[in-house]
Protein backbone atom coordinates (compact mmCIF):
# COMPACT_ATOMS: atom_id res chain seq x y z
CA MET A 1 171.25 53.21 65.92
CA GLU A 2 174.54 53.45 67.87
CA LYS A 3 176.21 51.52 64.96
CA ILE A 4 174.92 53.53 62.35
CA THR A 5 175.81 57.16 64.62
CA LEU A 6 179.26 55.39 65.27
CA LEU A 7 179.96 54.34 61.06
CA LEU A 8 178.66 58.10 60.30
CA ALA A 9 181.22 59.66 62.67
CA LEU A 10 184.11 57.25 61.16
CA SER A 11 182.98 58.80 57.43
CA ILE A 12 183.65 62.42 58.56
CA LEU A 13 186.23 61.64 60.38
CA SER A 14 188.05 59.66 56.67
CA CYS A 15 186.63 62.51 54.71
CA ASN A 16 188.30 65.31 56.96
CA GLY A 17 191.07 63.05 56.76
CA GLN A 18 191.25 62.90 53.67
CA GLN A 19 190.49 66.77 53.51
CA GLU A 20 193.85 67.18 55.41
CA LYS A 21 196.00 65.29 53.38
CA LYS A 22 194.90 66.93 50.40
CA ILE A 23 195.66 70.54 51.61
CA ILE A 24 199.00 69.70 52.93
CA GLU A 25 200.02 68.08 50.24
CA SER A 26 199.03 71.31 47.66
CA LYS A 27 201.20 73.07 50.06
CA LYS A 28 204.46 71.21 49.56
CA PRO A 29 205.12 73.07 45.94
CA GLN A 30 204.93 76.41 47.57
CA MET A 31 206.72 75.51 51.12
CA GLU A 32 209.92 73.92 48.68
CA ALA A 33 209.41 76.89 46.52
CA ILE A 34 210.19 79.03 49.51
CA LYS A 35 212.62 76.73 50.42
CA ASN A 36 214.95 77.46 47.61
CA ASN A 37 214.33 80.87 47.59
CA SER A 38 215.82 81.36 50.53
CA ARG A 39 219.14 79.56 49.82
CA ALA A 40 221.93 81.69 49.69
CA THR A 41 223.51 83.77 47.26
CA LEU A 42 226.08 82.49 45.07
CA ASN A 43 228.83 84.79 45.28
CA LEU A 44 230.70 85.56 41.65
CA THR A 45 232.83 88.10 42.26
CA ASN A 46 235.83 86.97 43.94
CA PHE A 47 235.23 83.12 42.82
CA LYS A 48 238.71 81.20 42.53
CA PHE A 49 239.24 78.34 40.16
CA LYS A 50 240.03 75.01 41.15
CA THR A 51 238.07 74.90 44.01
CA ASN A 52 236.22 72.01 44.41
CA ILE A 53 232.49 71.92 42.98
CA ASN A 54 230.75 70.08 46.02
CA GLY A 55 232.50 72.73 48.31
CA VAL A 56 230.99 75.41 46.86
CA LEU A 57 227.09 73.97 46.50
CA ASN A 58 227.53 72.83 49.98
CA GLN A 59 228.06 76.59 50.90
CA ILE A 60 224.70 76.96 48.95
CA GLY A 61 222.30 74.58 50.30
CA LEU A 62 222.20 72.17 46.60
CA THR A 63 224.29 68.97 46.13
CA LEU A 64 225.57 67.65 42.86
CA ASN A 65 221.84 65.61 42.96
CA ASP A 66 220.52 68.76 42.41
CA ASN A 67 221.61 69.52 38.79
CA VAL A 68 219.30 70.18 36.64
CA LEU A 69 220.89 69.31 33.28
CA ASN A 70 219.24 66.28 31.41
CA GLU A 71 222.67 65.01 29.89
CA TYR A 72 225.50 62.86 31.02
CA ASN A 73 228.71 63.50 29.35
CA ILE A 74 230.17 59.50 28.94
CA SER A 75 232.78 60.48 26.87
CA GLY A 76 234.62 63.49 28.39
CA ASP A 77 236.78 63.85 31.34
CA TYR A 78 234.37 66.71 32.22
CA GLU A 79 230.95 67.31 33.61
CA GLU A 80 227.96 70.32 33.94
CA PHE A 81 226.57 71.24 36.40
CA LYS A 82 223.39 73.53 35.78
CA PHE A 83 222.05 75.35 38.35
CA PRO A 84 218.09 75.72 39.05
CA PRO A 85 216.77 79.66 39.65
CA GLN A 86 220.13 81.02 41.53
CA GLN A 87 220.71 84.19 43.05
CA ILE A 88 223.73 85.28 41.63
CA ASN A 89 226.38 87.99 43.09
CA LEU A 90 228.61 88.92 39.43
CA LEU A 91 230.97 92.17 40.43
CA ASP A 92 228.59 93.18 42.86
CA ASN A 93 225.30 93.25 41.18
CA ASN A 94 223.09 91.31 42.42
CA ILE A 95 221.57 89.11 39.71
CA ASP A 96 217.50 87.54 40.25
CA SER A 97 217.49 83.85 40.10
CA THR A 98 214.11 84.64 37.23
CA LYS A 99 216.98 86.54 35.25
CA ASN A 100 219.78 84.47 34.76
CA GLU A 101 220.78 80.73 34.37
CA ILE A 102 224.26 79.57 35.12
CA SER A 103 226.54 76.51 35.00
CA PHE A 104 229.90 75.26 36.62
CA PHE A 105 231.84 73.17 34.12
CA TYR A 106 234.46 70.77 36.55
CA THR A 107 236.50 67.90 36.39
CA LYS A 108 235.64 63.99 36.82
CA LYS A 109 238.44 63.05 38.25
CA ASP A 110 239.01 65.55 41.23
CA LYS A 111 235.79 67.92 41.02
CA LEU A 112 237.54 70.92 40.14
CA ILE A 113 235.89 73.55 38.43
CA TRP A 114 237.75 74.99 34.96
CA CYS A 115 234.87 77.29 33.72
CA TYR A 116 231.39 78.97 34.65
CA GLU A 117 229.01 80.42 31.56
CA ILE A 118 226.33 82.67 32.90
CA SER A 119 223.05 83.97 30.89
CA VAL A 120 222.01 87.38 32.19
CA LEU A 121 218.32 87.56 30.74
CA ASP A 122 217.47 91.29 32.15
CA ASN A 123 218.93 94.10 29.48
CA ASN A 124 219.29 96.09 32.77
CA ASP A 125 221.73 93.53 35.19
CA ALA A 126 223.51 93.32 30.78
CA VAL A 127 224.74 96.78 31.11
CA LYS A 128 225.61 97.27 34.55
CA ILE A 129 227.75 94.65 34.12
CA ILE A 130 229.71 95.23 31.14
CA LYS A 131 230.12 98.79 33.70
CA GLU A 132 231.95 96.73 36.38
CA PHE A 133 234.00 94.92 33.72
CA GLU A 134 234.87 97.75 32.83
CA ASN A 135 235.42 99.72 35.58
CA LYS A 136 237.77 96.27 37.34
CA TYR A 137 239.77 94.85 34.77
CA SER A 138 239.16 98.28 31.49
CA SER A 139 237.71 100.61 29.81
CA LYS A 140 239.49 98.73 27.41
CA PRO A 141 239.25 95.31 26.88
CA ALA A 142 242.09 93.37 25.31
CA PHE A 143 239.77 92.98 22.09
CA SER A 144 236.45 94.19 21.31
CA LYS A 145 233.76 93.45 18.24
CA ILE A 146 230.29 95.37 17.09
CA SER A 147 228.16 94.52 15.17
CA LEU A 148 225.37 96.65 14.24
CA SER A 149 222.39 95.36 12.41
CA THR A 150 219.69 97.52 10.65
CA LYS A 151 216.63 97.01 7.71
CA GLU A 152 218.59 98.37 5.13
CA HIS A 153 222.39 96.34 6.04
CA PRO A 154 220.87 93.55 8.06
CA LEU A 155 223.37 91.24 9.76
CA PHE A 156 221.51 88.81 11.86
CA LEU A 157 219.53 85.63 10.91
CA ASP A 158 216.24 84.84 12.36
CA GLU A 159 215.45 81.05 12.77
CA ASN A 160 213.90 80.09 9.74
CA GLY A 161 217.32 81.95 8.22
CA GLU A 162 215.62 85.26 7.31
CA PHE A 163 217.54 88.32 8.05
CA LYS A 164 216.33 90.24 11.16
CA LYS A 165 214.86 93.33 10.22
CA ASP A 166 215.03 95.24 13.71
CA LYS A 167 218.37 97.14 14.94
CA MET A 168 220.20 95.04 16.45
CA GLU A 169 223.56 95.23 17.78
CA GLU A 170 226.36 92.99 19.09
CA ARG A 171 229.11 93.16 20.93
CA ILE A 172 231.91 90.53 21.16
CA LEU A 173 234.41 91.46 24.34
CA VAL A 174 237.13 89.92 25.85
CA TRP A 175 238.61 90.61 29.42
CA GLU A 176 242.12 89.08 31.06
CA ASP A 177 242.38 88.57 34.21
CA SER A 178 246.10 88.31 34.63
CA LYS A 179 246.67 88.12 38.31
CA GLU A 180 244.30 85.28 38.72
CA LYS A 181 245.01 83.75 35.13
CA VAL A 182 241.02 83.68 33.91
CA THR A 183 239.52 85.46 30.84
CA PHE A 184 236.39 86.06 30.27
CA PHE A 185 234.35 85.84 26.92
CA VAL A 186 231.49 88.68 27.34
CA ILE A 187 228.76 88.73 24.32
CA TYR A 188 225.76 91.29 24.82
CA LYS A 189 222.82 91.14 21.69
CA VAL A 190 220.37 94.05 21.73
CA ASN A 191 217.64 95.03 20.21
CA TYR A 192 217.02 98.53 20.27
CA ASP A 193 213.18 98.31 18.35
CA LYS A 194 211.56 96.87 21.42
CA ASN A 195 209.54 97.97 24.08
CA PRO A 196 211.45 98.36 25.96
CA VAL A 197 214.54 97.48 24.69
CA GLU A 198 215.38 93.52 24.97
CA GLY A 199 218.98 93.04 25.94
CA THR A 200 221.23 89.53 26.79
CA LEU A 201 224.63 89.35 28.24
CA GLN A 202 226.55 85.57 27.85
CA ILE A 203 229.34 85.36 29.69
CA ILE A 204 231.96 82.16 29.80
CA ALA A 205 234.57 83.00 32.00
CA LEU A 206 237.98 79.92 31.47
CA ASP A 207 241.30 78.68 34.14
CA LYS A 208 243.81 80.12 31.43
CA ASN A 209 245.93 77.45 33.04
CA ASN A 210 243.61 74.71 32.73
CA LYS A 211 244.25 72.45 29.57
CA LYS A 212 240.50 72.11 28.17
CA TYR A 213 241.01 76.36 27.93
CA LYS A 214 242.27 75.18 24.14
CA GLU A 215 239.62 72.99 23.08
CA TRP A 216 236.26 74.91 24.72
CA VAL A 217 237.46 78.32 23.24
CA SER A 218 237.26 76.30 20.31
CA TYR A 219 234.14 73.78 21.18
CA ARG A 220 232.66 77.60 21.69
CA SER A 221 233.81 78.52 18.04
CA LEU A 222 235.58 81.94 19.95
CA ASP A 223 238.57 81.26 18.23
CA MET A 224 237.21 82.63 15.53
CA TYR A 225 238.04 85.96 17.45
CA TYR A 226 240.12 85.80 19.75
CA LYS A 227 243.53 84.11 20.19
CA ASN A 228 245.89 84.24 23.03
């Protein structure tokens, strides 16, 4: 009888242990998410190119191993680091981690950053940032082109190659920071027929003194609009 009681007790302890283990394991993703959300904000407001990427990542609790890009550039002389969800500050505007995507481009040899690209996925943030570019650099950018597409005069194609009928606008804007030798290519796309209005902003910031500048401008087809 004592043996039966002992076996039963051990069985209960074992079940409780398994349950506790499952509970702990089920909490791991949530705990990791909390940890990620507590990372420092990536401040790009006064960002300096020619900075070592390891130093930048270290300041916000990341390493190169946190790259979420599943590609490796075996032929080029640079690498891309795509950030996991990350809150950023751009021109003194905080952009939530769910509303942006950002990549740094750096040289393989010395790990120095020469370009960053940001996609802002919220229209309100996009409008604010354009306004801040105007305030900081100039209300008249070095280059601007505005294209308006309507049902009667469509300009843009959908994924099937058909003209979109919505009222849409695309602005291609370029600002030059002559002091820091940085060129900002800013592309704003907005659909006015959506409710609420849908807008996205792409920012390509380039170190103008870097030898990759002209190559990247060509690669991104930006030289179709701006050659300087």
